[in-house]
Every structure is written in structure tokens, then in C-alpha cells.
Amino acid sequence: MEFLATFAPFLSGDGRFDLWVHSPASGGTLVWDRHDRLFGYGPIDRLSDKLTSLGFIEGQPEIPAPHEHYYRAELDSLAKQVIAAFEWSHSPLRPEDEQ
């Protein structure tokens, strides 16, 4: 949670990255993408129950077309700090996850 609190201005105000969080213990993955959508993989019932308890509802999101992504230069230093915060591990995206 400290990571999210520290980098909230960047994560919520800049469209550079999608945030993928994986729990090896549960096998679940949560994705917050640059269009402000949430995707869940794994224990979907648990995730759905939690999101509902937080006030989220199911729906069909619409992304306006055309649209723009904002890369705010004043957040460049935070972007570098995000990358430097951990020794990140990564795996290739599946074709359906690529943007």
C-alpha cells in the first residue's frame, strides 16, 4: 500500500503505464490500465465480491475514440522513481494483453 500511496499522483495522473499486480499465493492478478479500467484474473468471485463491497458496479466501459493519453513532464521524476523502486520481474504479455 505504501507504493500506491507514494506514487498515487503518477499512477492516477499519467498514462504511461498499466499497473499489473500479481499474488503468487492466490494466483490472482489485478490490472489497472491506462484507460482507468480494472481487469481481474484468477479468483474472480473473491475479487468481484471485494470490488462490490467497495462500491464498484459491473458495466460496459466505453473508451472515447479518438482519445489521448497524457504524459505529464512534471511527473517524469516520479516515473523514474517507480522504475527504480523495485527489482521488477516481468514476463511477456499475451497477444490479447498488448496495446
PDB file of N, CA and C in Angstrom:
ATOM      1  N   MET A   1       0.811  -1.193   0.000  1.00  0.00           N
ATOM      2  CA  MET A   1       0.000   0.000   0.000  1.00  0.00           C
ATOM      3  C   MET A   1       0.860   1.265   0.000  1.00  0.00           C
ATOM      4  N   GLU A   2       2.032   1.168   0.616  1.00  0.00           N
ATOM      5  CA  GLU A   2       2.908   2.339   0.642  1.00  0.00           C
ATOM      6  C   GLU A   2       3.309   2.747  -0.775  1.00  0.00           C
ATOM      7  N   PHE A   3       3.569   1.754  -1.624  1.00  0.00           N
ATOM      8  CA  PHE A   3       3.918   2.031  -3.014  1.00  0.00           C
ATOM      9  C   PHE A   3       2.809   2.829  -3.690  1.00  0.00           C
ATOM     10  N   LEU A   4       1.565   2.365  -3.529  1.00  0.00           N
ATOM     11  CA  LEU A   4       0.431   3.041  -4.164  1.00  0.00           C
ATOM     12  C   LEU A   4       0.253   4.453  -3.615  1.00  0.00           C
ATOM     13  N   ALA A   5       0.410   4.627  -2.310  1.00  0.00           N
ATOM     14  CA  ALA A   5       0.265   5.951  -1.713  1.00  0.00           C
ATOM     15  C   ALA A   5       1.373   6.885  -2.193  1.00  0.00           C
ATOM     16  N   THR A   6       2.593   6.379  -2.220  1.00  0.00           N
ATOM     17  CA  THR A   6       3.733   7.208  -2.627  1.00  0.00           C
ATOM     18  C   THR A   6       3.598   7.671  -4.069  1.00  0.00           C
ATOM     19  N   PHE A   7       3.155   6.765  -4.946  1.00  0.00           N
ATOM     20  CA  PHE A   7       3.143   7.070  -6.371  1.00  0.00           C
ATOM     21  C   PHE A   7       1.751   7.367  -6.925  1.00  0.00           C
ATOM     22  N   ALA A   8       0.779   7.601  -6.054  1.00  0.00           N
ATOM     23  CA  ALA A   8      -0.591   7.888  -6.500  1.00  0.00           C
ATOM     24  C   ALA A   8      -0.668   9.038  -7.511  1.00  0.00           C
ATOM     25  N   PRO A   9       0.060  10.149  -7.303  1.00  0.00           N
ATOM     26  CA  PRO A   9      -0.030  11.229  -8.297  1.00  0.00           C
ATOM     27  C   PRO A   9       0.381  10.776  -9.699  1.00  0.00           C
ATOM     28  N   PHE A  10       1.409   9.937  -9.767  1.00  0.00           N
ATOM     29  CA  PHE A  10       1.852   9.446 -11.069  1.00  0.00           C
ATOM     30  C   PHE A  10       0.883   8.410 -11.624  1.00  0.00           C
ATOM     31  N   LEU A  11       0.522   7.411 -10.789  1.00  0.00           N
ATOM     32  CA  LEU A  11      -0.314   6.307 -11.265  1.00  0.00           C
ATOM     33  C   LEU A  11      -1.698   6.772 -11.702  1.00  0.00           C
ATOM     34  N   SER A  12      -2.229   7.792 -11.064  1.00  0.00           N
ATOM     35  CA  SER A  12      -3.570   8.259 -11.419  1.00  0.00           C
ATOM     36  C   SER A  12      -3.566   9.453 -12.367  1.00  0.00           C
ATOM     37  N   GLY A  13      -2.405  10.054 -12.600  1.00  0.00           N
ATOM     38  CA  GLY A  13      -2.379  11.273 -13.395  1.00  0.00           C
ATOM     39  C   GLY A  13      -1.556  11.220 -14.657  1.00  0.00           C
ATOM     40  N   ASP A  14      -1.073  10.048 -15.038  1.00  0.00           N
ATOM     41  CA  ASP A  14      -0.201   9.939 -16.197  1.00  0.00           C
ATOM     42  C   ASP A  14      -0.526   8.631 -16.907  1.00  0.00           C
ATOM     43  N   GLY A  15      -0.587   8.647 -18.224  1.00  0.00           N
ATOM     44  CA  GLY A  15      -0.993   7.474 -18.985  1.00  0.00           C
ATOM     45  C   GLY A  15       0.144   6.648 -19.547  1.00  0.00           C
ATOM     46  N   ARG A  16       1.295   6.647 -18.895  1.00  0.00           N
ATOM     47  CA  ARG A  16       2.452   5.928 -19.416  1.00  0.00           C
ATOM     48  C   ARG A  16       2.381   4.426 -19.264  1.00  0.00           C
ATOM     49  N   PHE A  17       1.837   3.977 -18.163  1.00  0.00           N
ATOM     50  CA  PHE A  17       1.922   2.561 -17.821  1.00  0.00           C
ATOM     51  C   PHE A  17       0.569   1.994 -17.436  1.00  0.00           C
ATOM     52  N   ASP A  18       0.458   0.687 -17.531  1.00  0.00           N
ATOM     53  CA  ASP A  18      -0.607  -0.067 -16.882  1.00  0.00           C
ATOM     54  C   ASP A  18       0.037  -0.681 -15.648  1.00  0.00           C
ATOM     55  N   LEU A  19      -0.745  -0.871 -14.601  1.00  0.00           N
ATOM     56  CA  LEU A  19      -0.225  -1.465 -13.374  1.00  0.00           C
ATOM     57  C   LEU A  19      -0.778  -2.871 -13.237  1.00  0.00           C
ATOM     58  N   TRP A  20       0.108  -3.851 -13.231  1.00  0.00           N
ATOM     59  CA  TRP A  20      -0.252  -5.263 -13.068  1.00  0.00           C
ATOM     60  C   TRP A  20       0.253  -5.716 -11.709  1.00  0.00           C
ATOM     61  N   VAL A  21      -0.648  -6.235 -10.879  1.00  0.00           N
ATOM     62  CA  VAL A  21      -0.283  -6.719  -9.551  1.00  0.00           C
ATOM     63  C   VAL A  21      -0.691  -8.182  -9.478  1.00  0.00           C
ATOM     64  N   HIS A  22       0.287  -9.026  -9.157  1.00  0.00           N
ATOM     65  CA  HIS A  22       0.036 -10.467  -9.114  1.00  0.00           C
ATOM     66  C   HIS A  22       0.312 -11.006  -7.719  1.00  0.00           C
ATOM     67  N   SER A  23      -0.552 -11.889  -7.250  1.00  0.00           N
ATOM     68  CA  SER A  23      -0.354 -12.566  -5.976  1.00  0.00           C
ATOM     69  C   SER A  23      -0.018 -14.032  -6.239  1.00  0.00           C
ATOM     70  N   PRO A  24       1.235 -14.425  -6.035  1.00  0.00           N
ATOM     71  CA  PRO A  24       1.577 -15.834  -6.219  1.00  0.00           C
ATOM     72  C   PRO A  24       0.775 -16.746  -5.282  1.00  0.00           C
ATOM     73  N   ALA A  25       0.444 -16.245  -4.091  1.00  0.00           N
ATOM     74  CA  ALA A  25      -0.283 -17.069  -3.118  1.00  0.00           C
ATOM     75  C   ALA A  25      -1.682 -17.453  -3.615  1.00  0.00           C
ATOM     76  N   SER A  26      -2.412 -16.489  -4.182  1.00  0.00           N
ATOM     77  CA  SER A  26      -3.781 -16.773  -4.629  1.00  0.00           C
ATOM     78  C   SER A  26      -3.861 -17.085  -6.116  1.00  0.00           C
ATOM     79  N   GLY A  27      -2.797 -16.728  -6.853  1.00  0.00           N
ATOM     80  CA  GLY A  27      -2.825 -16.891  -8.306  1.00  0.00           C
ATOM     81  C   GLY A  27      -3.607 -15.792  -8.994  1.00  0.00           C
ATOM     82  N   GLY A  28      -4.012 -14.781  -8.238  1.00  0.00           N
ATOM     83  CA  GLY A  28      -4.801 -13.694  -8.803  1.00  0.00           C
ATOM     84  C   GLY A  28      -3.945 -12.574  -9.346  1.00  0.00           C
ATOM     85  N   THR A  29      -4.462 -11.925 -10.361  1.00  0.00           N
ATOM     86  CA  THR A  29      -3.804 -10.762 -10.948  1.00  0.00           C
ATOM     87  C   THR A  29      -4.842  -9.676 -11.136  1.00  0.00           C
ATOM     88  N   LEU A  30      -4.481  -8.456 -10.763  1.00  0.00           N
ATOM     89  CA  LEU A  30      -5.333  -7.294 -10.954  1.00  0.00           C
ATOM     90  C   LEU A  30      -4.584  -6.332 -11.865  1.00  0.00           C
ATOM     91  N   VAL A  31      -5.269  -5.827 -12.877  1.00  0.00           N
ATOM     92  CA  VAL A  31      -4.669  -4.895 -13.831  1.00  0.00           C
ATOM     93  C   VAL A  31      -5.473  -3.605 -13.820  1.00  0.00           C
ATOM     94  N   TRP A  32      -4.777  -2.479 -13.611  1.00  0.00           N
ATOM     95  CA  TRP A  32      -5.371  -1.142 -13.715  1.00  0.00           C
ATOM     96  C   TRP A  32      -4.721  -0.532 -14.943  1.00  0.00           C
ATOM     97  N   ASP A  33      -5.500  -0.372 -16.009  1.00  0.00           N
ATOM     98  CA  ASP A  33      -4.882   0.063 -17.260  1.00  0.00           C
ATOM     99  C   ASP A  33      -4.953   1.566 -17.448  1.00  0.00           C
ATOM    100  N   ARG A  34      -4.290   2.014 -18.488  1.00  0.00           N
ATOM    101  CA  ARG A  34      -4.183   3.454 -18.754  1.00  0.00           C
ATOM    102  C   ARG A  34      -5.502   4.095 -19.146  1.00  0.00           C
ATOM    103  N   HIS A  35      -6.527   3.290 -19.355  1.00  0.00           N
ATOM    104  CA  HIS A  35      -7.868   3.829 -19.626  1.00  0.00           C
ATOM    105  C   HIS A  35      -8.721   3.842 -18.367  1.00  0.00           C
ATOM    106  N   ASP A  36      -8.094   3.572 -17.221  1.00  0.00           N
ATOM    107  CA  ASP A  36      -8.747   3.585 -15.906  1.00  0.00           C
ATOM    108  C   ASP A  36      -9.731   2.424 -15.743  1.00  0.00           C
ATOM    109  N   ARG A  37      -9.448   1.313 -16.418  1.00  0.00           N
ATOM    110  CA  ARG A  37     -10.273   0.107 -16.270  1.00  0.00           C
ATOM    111  C   ARG A  37      -9.546  -0.889 -15.389  1.00  0.00           C
ATOM    112  N   LEU A  38     -10.321  -1.699 -14.666  1.00  0.00           N
ATOM    113  CA  LEU A  38      -9.768  -2.777 -13.856  1.00  0.00           C
ATOM    114  C   LEU A  38     -10.085  -4.109 -14.509  1.00  0.00           C
ATOM    115  N   PHE A  39      -9.092  -4.999 -14.545  1.00  0.00           N
ATOM    116  CA  PHE A  39      -9.271  -6.358 -15.030  1.00  0.00           C
ATOM    117  C   PHE A  39      -8.792  -7.295 -13.942  1.00  0.00           C
ATOM    118  N   GLY A  40      -9.516  -8.363 -13.721  1.00  0.00           N
ATOM    119  CA  GLY A  40      -9.111  -9.340 -12.734  1.00  0.00           C
ATOM    120  C   GLY A  40      -8.978 -10.712 -13.357  1.00  0.00           C
ATOM    121  N   TYR A  41      -7.977 -11.437 -12.920  1.00  0.00           N
ATOM    122  CA  TYR A  41      -7.733 -12.800 -13.374  1.00  0.00           C
ATOM    123  C   TYR A  41      -7.517 -13.660 -12.137  1.00  0.00           C
ATOM    124  N   GLY A  42      -7.981 -14.878 -12.160  1.00  0.00           N
ATOM    125  CA  GLY A  42      -7.769 -15.778 -11.028  1.00  0.00           C
ATOM    126  C   GLY A  42      -9.056 -15.988 -10.250  1.00  0.00           C
ATOM    127  N   PRO A  43      -9.021 -15.755  -8.918  1.00  0.00           N
ATOM    128  CA  PRO A  43     -10.204 -15.994  -8.079  1.00  0.00           C
ATOM    129  C   PRO A  43     -11.243 -14.875  -8.272  1.00  0.00           C
ATOM    130  N   ILE A  44     -11.940 -14.928  -9.401  1.00  0.00           N
ATOM    131  CA  ILE A  44     -12.828 -13.839  -9.809  1.00  0.00           C
ATOM    132  C   ILE A  44     -13.954 -13.592  -8.808  1.00  0.00           C
ATOM    133  N   ASP A  45     -14.523 -14.648  -8.223  1.00  0.00           N
ATOM    134  CA  ASP A  45     -15.616 -14.445  -7.269  1.00  0.00           C
ATOM    135  C   ASP A  45     -15.159 -13.618  -6.072  1.00  0.00           C
ATOM    136  N   ARG A  46     -13.982 -13.915  -5.542  1.00  0.00           N
ATOM    137  CA  ARG A  46     -13.460 -13.139  -4.408  1.00  0.00           C
ATOM    138  C   ARG A  46     -13.202 -11.695  -4.811  1.00  0.00           C
ATOM    139  N   LEU A  47     -12.618 -11.510  -5.977  1.00  0.00           N
ATOM    140  CA  LEU A  47     -12.329 -10.168  -6.465  1.00  0.00           C
ATOM    141  C   LEU A  47     -13.622  -9.394  -6.695  1.00  0.00           C
ATOM    142  N   SER A  48     -14.596 -10.021  -7.323  1.00  0.00           N
ATOM    143  CA  SER A  48     -15.884  -9.375  -7.587  1.00  0.00           C
ATOM    144  C   SER A  48     -16.574  -8.978  -6.291  1.00  0.00           C
ATOM    145  N   ASP A  49     -16.583  -9.866  -5.310  1.00  0.00           N
ATOM    146  CA  ASP A  49     -17.200  -9.550  -4.017  1.00  0.00           C
ATOM    147  C   ASP A  49     -16.527  -8.350  -3.368  1.00  0.00           C
ATOM    148  N   LYS A  50     -15.205  -8.313  -3.409  1.00  0.00           N
ATOM    149  CA  LYS A  50     -14.464  -7.211  -2.800  1.00  0.00           C
ATOM    150  C   LYS A  50     -14.750  -5.896  -3.512  1.00  0.00           C
ATOM    151  N   LEU A  51     -14.723  -5.911  -4.831  1.00  0.00           N
ATOM    152  CA  LEU A  51     -14.990  -4.682  -5.581  1.00  0.00           C
ATOM    153  C   LEU A  51     -16.420  -4.186  -5.342  1.00  0.00           C
ATOM    154  N   THR A  52     -17.376  -5.108  -5.280  1.00  0.00           N
ATOM    155  CA  THR A  52     -18.765  -4.729  -4.996  1.00  0.00           C
ATOM    156  C   THR A  52     -18.859  -4.091  -3.616  1.00  0.00           C
ATOM    157  N   SER A  53     -18.161  -4.651  -2.632  1.00  0.00           N
ATOM    158  CA  SER A  53     -18.195  -4.090  -1.274  1.00  0.00           C
ATOM    159  C   SER A  53     -17.583  -2.694  -1.223  1.00  0.00           C
ATOM    160  N   LEU A  54     -16.723  -2.373  -2.186  1.00  0.00           N
ATOM    161  CA  LEU A  54     -16.101  -1.046  -2.258  1.00  0.00           C
ATOM    162  C   LEU A  54     -16.918  -0.054  -3.092  1.00  0.00           C
ATOM    163  N   GLY A  55     -18.072  -0.516  -3.624  1.00  0.00           N
ATOM    164  CA  GLY A  55     -18.935   0.388  -4.377  1.00  0.00           C
ATOM    165  C   GLY A  55     -18.824   0.303  -5.883  1.00  0.00           C
ATOM    166  N   PHE A  56     -17.995  -0.594  -6.392  1.00  0.00           N
ATOM    167  CA  PHE A  56     -17.887  -0.769  -7.832  1.00  0.00           C
ATOM    168  C   PHE A  56     -19.110  -1.520  -8.345  1.00  0.00           C
ATOM    169  N   ILE A  57     -19.477  -1.271  -9.600  1.00  0.00           N
ATOM    170  CA  ILE A  57     -20.580  -1.989 -10.229  1.00  0.00           C
ATOM    171  C   ILE A  57     -20.121  -2.526 -11.572  1.00  0.00           C
ATOM    172  N   GLU A  58     -20.789  -3.585 -12.026  1.00  0.00           N
ATOM    173  CA  GLU A  58     -20.480  -4.127 -13.350  1.00  0.00           C
ATOM    174  C   GLU A  58     -21.028  -3.193 -14.415  1.00  0.00           C
ATOM    175  N   GLY A  59     -20.394  -3.191 -15.561  1.00  0.00           N
ATOM    176  CA  GLY A  59     -20.859  -2.357 -16.651  1.00  0.00           C
ATOM    177  C   GLY A  59     -20.033  -2.577 -17.893  1.00  0.00           C
ATOM    178  N   GLN A  60     -20.375  -1.871 -18.920  1.00  0.00           N
ATOM    179  CA  GLN A  60     -19.652  -1.914 -20.182  1.00  0.00           C
ATOM    180  C   GLN A  60     -18.942  -0.574 -20.362  1.00  0.00           C
ATOM    181  N   PRO A  61     -17.660  -0.521 -20.025  1.00  0.00           N
ATOM    182  CA  PRO A  61     -16.949   0.755 -20.163  1.00  0.00           C
ATOM    183  C   PRO A  61     -16.808   1.138 -21.634  1.00  0.00           C
ATOM    184  N   GLU A  62     -16.813   2.411 -21.861  1.00  0.00           N
ATOM    185  CA  GLU A  62     -16.627   2.927 -23.215  1.00  0.00           C
ATOM    186  C   GLU A  62     -15.418   3.842 -23.223  1.00  0.00           C
ATOM    187  N   ILE A  63     -14.531   3.598 -24.141  1.00  0.00           N
ATOM    188  CA  ILE A  63     -13.366   4.453 -24.319  1.00  0.00           C
ATOM    189  C   ILE A  63     -13.645   5.331 -25.530  1.00  0.00           C
ATOM    190  N   PRO A  64     -13.671   6.636 -25.320  1.00  0.00           N
ATOM    191  CA  PRO A  64     -13.958   7.512 -26.459  1.00  0.00           C
ATOM    192  C   PRO A  64     -12.932   7.331 -27.573  1.00  0.00           C
ATOM    193  N   ALA A  65     -13.394   7.454 -28.789  1.00  0.00           N
ATOM    194  CA  ALA A  65     -12.485   7.368 -29.925  1.00  0.00           C
ATOM    195  C   ALA A  65     -12.746   8.562 -30.829  1.00  0.00           C
ATOM    196  N   PRO A  66     -11.755   9.311 -31.192  1.00  0.00           N
ATOM    197  CA  PRO A  66     -10.370   9.177 -30.745  1.00  0.00           C
ATOM    198  C   PRO A  66     -10.232   9.678 -29.302  1.00  0.00           C
ATOM    199  N   HIS A  67      -9.118   9.334 -28.700  1.00  0.00           N
ATOM    200  CA  HIS A  67      -8.808   9.815 -27.363  1.00  0.00           C
ATOM    201  C   HIS A  67      -7.302  10.010 -27.247  1.00  0.00           C
ATOM    202  N   GLU A  68      -6.899  10.633 -26.152  1.00  0.00           N
ATOM    203  CA  GLU A  68      -5.486  10.934 -25.960  1.00  0.00           C
ATOM    204  C   GLU A  68      -5.008  10.375 -24.630  1.00  0.00           C
ATOM    205  N   HIS A  69      -3.711  10.119 -24.547  1.00  0.00           N
ATOM    206  CA  HIS A  69      -3.061   9.762 -23.295  1.00  0.00           C
ATOM    207  C   HIS A  69      -2.128  10.913 -22.942  1.00  0.00           C
ATOM    208  N   TYR A  70      -2.153  11.293 -21.694  1.00  0.00           N
ATOM    209  CA  TYR A  70      -1.332  12.413 -21.260  1.00  0.00           C
ATOM    210  C   TYR A  70      -0.102  11.909 -20.542  1.00  0.00           C
ATOM    211  N   TYR A  71       1.033  12.348 -20.996  1.00  0.00           N
ATOM    212  CA  TYR A  71       2.301  12.053 -20.372  1.00  0.00           C
ATOM    213  C   TYR A  71       2.808  13.372 -19.825  1.00  0.00           C
ATOM    214  N   ARG A  72       2.626  13.562 -18.541  1.00  0.00           N
ATOM    215  CA  ARG A  72       2.913  14.841 -17.916  1.00  0.00           C
ATOM    216  C   ARG A  72       4.388  14.938 -17.561  1.00  0.00           C
ATOM    217  N   ALA A  73       5.070  15.889 -18.194  1.00  0.00           N
ATOM    218  CA  ALA A  73       6.514  16.054 -17.994  1.00  0.00           C
ATOM    219  C   ALA A  73       6.853  16.297 -16.532  1.00  0.00           C
ATOM    220  N   GLU A  74       5.962  16.954 -15.794  1.00  0.00           N
ATOM    221  CA  GLU A  74       6.260  17.223 -14.385  1.00  0.00           C
ATOM    222  C   GLU A  74       6.262  15.936 -13.541  1.00  0.00           C
ATOM    223  N   LEU A  75       5.779  14.831 -14.127  1.00  0.00           N
ATOM    224  CA  LEU A  75       5.795  13.554 -13.416  1.00  0.00           C
ATOM    225  C   LEU A  75       6.951  12.637 -13.853  1.00  0.00           C
ATOM    226  N   ASP A  76       7.842  13.150 -14.714  1.00  0.00           N
ATOM    227  CA  ASP A  76       8.973  12.346 -15.178  1.00  0.00           C
ATOM    228  C   ASP A  76       9.814  11.802 -14.028  1.00  0.00           C
ATOM    229  N   SER A  77      10.068  12.630 -13.011  1.00  0.00           N
ATOM    230  CA  SER A  77      10.910  12.156 -11.903  1.00  0.00           C
ATOM    231  C   SER A  77      10.201  11.049 -11.132  1.00  0.00           C
ATOM    232  N   LEU A  78       8.869  11.143 -10.971  1.00  0.00           N
ATOM    233  CA  LEU A  78       8.129  10.065 -10.319  1.00  0.00           C
ATOM    234  C   LEU A  78       8.150   8.797 -11.164  1.00  0.00           C
ATOM    235  N   ALA A  79       8.087   8.933 -12.486  1.00  0.00           N
ATOM    236  CA  ALA A  79       8.157   7.759 -13.360  1.00  0.00           C
ATOM    237  C   ALA A  79       9.485   7.034 -13.162  1.00  0.00           C
ATOM    238  N   LYS A  80      10.563   7.771 -13.054  1.00  0.00           N
ATOM    239  CA  LYS A  80      11.879   7.166 -12.830  1.00  0.00           C
ATOM    240  C   LYS A  80      11.948   6.504 -11.455  1.00  0.00           C
ATOM    241  N   GLN A  81      11.310   7.119 -10.461  1.00  0.00           N
ATOM    242  CA  GLN A  81      11.292   6.543  -9.113  1.00  0.00           C
ATOM    243  C   GLN A  81      10.480   5.246  -9.071  1.00  0.00           C
ATOM    244  N   VAL A  82       9.389   5.184  -9.842  1.00  0.00           N
ATOM    245  CA  VAL A  82       8.590   3.949  -9.917  1.00  0.00           C
ATOM    246  C   VAL A  82       9.468   2.813 -10.441  1.00  0.00           C
ATOM    247  N   ILE A  83      10.183   3.081 -11.509  1.00  0.00           N
ATOM    248  CA  ILE A  83      11.021   2.053 -12.121  1.00  0.00           C
ATOM    249  C   ILE A  83      12.153   1.640 -11.182  1.00  0.00           C
ATOM    250  N   ALA A  84      12.685   2.596 -10.406  1.00  0.00           N
ATOM    251  CA  ALA A  84      13.796   2.305  -9.507  1.00  0.00           C
ATOM    252  C   ALA A  84      13.347   1.715  -8.166  1.00  0.00           C
ATOM    253  N   ALA A  85      12.044   1.705  -7.892  1.00  0.00           N
ATOM    254  CA  ALA A  85      11.544   1.311  -6.570  1.00  0.00           C
ATOM    255  C   ALA A  85      11.781  -0.155  -6.237  1.00  0.00           C
ATOM    256  N   PHE A  86      11.793  -1.024  -7.234  1.00  0.00           N
ATOM    257  CA  PHE A  86      11.921  -2.456  -7.001  1.00  0.00           C
ATOM    258  C   PHE A  86      12.824  -3.076  -8.050  1.00  0.00           C
ATOM    259  N   GLU A  87      13.235  -4.296  -7.766  1.00  0.00           N
ATOM    260  CA  GLU A  87      13.807  -5.130  -8.811  1.00  0.00           C
ATOM    261  C   GLU A  87      12.619  -5.848  -9.426  1.00  0.00           C
ATOM    262  N   TRP A  88      12.081  -5.265 -10.461  1.00  0.00           N
ATOM    263  CA  TRP A  88      10.858  -5.765 -11.076  1.00  0.00           C
ATOM    264  C   TRP A  88      11.105  -7.087 -11.776  1.00  0.00           C
ATOM    265  N   SER A  89      10.129  -7.950 -11.760  1.00  0.00           N
ATOM    266  CA  SER A  89      10.171  -9.139 -12.604  1.00  0.00           C
ATOM    267  C   SER A  89       9.111  -8.941 -13.676  1.00  0.00           C
ATOM    268  N   HIS A  90       9.366  -9.489 -14.824  1.00  0.00           N
ATOM    269  CA  HIS A  90       8.392  -9.324 -15.898  1.00  0.00           C
ATOM    270  C   HIS A  90       8.305 -10.598 -16.710  1.00  0.00           C
ATOM    271  N   SER A  91       7.215 -10.698 -17.406  1.00  0.00           N
ATOM    272  CA  SER A  91       7.014 -11.809 -18.336  1.00  0.00           C
ATOM    273  C   SER A  91       6.366 -11.227 -19.583  1.00  0.00           C
ATOM    274  N   PRO A  92       6.510 -11.889 -20.699  1.00  0.00           N
ATOM    275  CA  PRO A  92       5.925 -11.355 -21.928  1.00  0.00           C
ATOM    276  C   PRO A  92       4.396 -11.280 -21.817  1.00  0.00           C
ATOM    277  N   LEU A  93       3.836 -10.253 -22.429  1.00  0.00           N
ATOM    278  CA  LEU A  93       2.378 -10.154 -22.497  1.00  0.00           C
ATOM    279  C   LEU A  93       1.835 -11.188 -23.472  1.00  0.00           C
ATOM    280  N   ARG A  94       0.638 -11.636 -23.189  1.00  0.00           N
ATOM    281  CA  ARG A  94      -0.061 -12.464 -24.170  1.00  0.00           C
ATOM    282  C   ARG A  94      -0.586 -11.521 -25.255  1.00  0.00           C
ATOM    283  N   PRO A  95      -0.799 -12.016 -26.466  1.00  0.00           N
ATOM    284  CA  PRO A  95      -1.264 -11.124 -27.543  1.00  0.00           C
ATOM    285  C   PRO A  95      -2.522 -10.341 -27.172  1.00  0.00           C
ATOM    286  N   GLU A  96      -3.442 -10.941 -26.436  1.00  0.00           N
ATOM    287  CA  GLU A  96      -4.689 -10.238 -26.092  1.00  0.00           C
ATOM    288  C   GLU A  96      -4.470  -9.141 -25.050  1.00  0.00           C
ATOM    289  N   ASP A  97      -3.288  -9.109 -24.407  1.00  0.00           N
ATOM    290  CA  ASP A  97      -2.993  -8.095 -23.413  1.00  0.00           C
ATOM    291  C   ASP A  97      -2.200  -6.920 -23.983  1.00  0.00           C
ATOM    292  N   GLU A  98      -1.723  -7.051 -25.199  1.00  0.00           N
ATOM    293  CA  GLU A  98      -0.905  -5.985 -25.790  1.00  0.00           C
ATOM    294  C   GLU A  98      -1.789  -4.837 -26.243  1.00  0.00           C
ATOM    295  N   GLN A  99      -1.218  -3.620 -26.137  1.00  0.00           N
ATOM    296  CA  GLN A  99      -1.949  -2.421 -26.591  1.00  0.00           C
ATOM    297  C   GLN A  99      -1.136  -1.713 -27.647  1.00  0.00           C
TER     298      GLN A  99
END
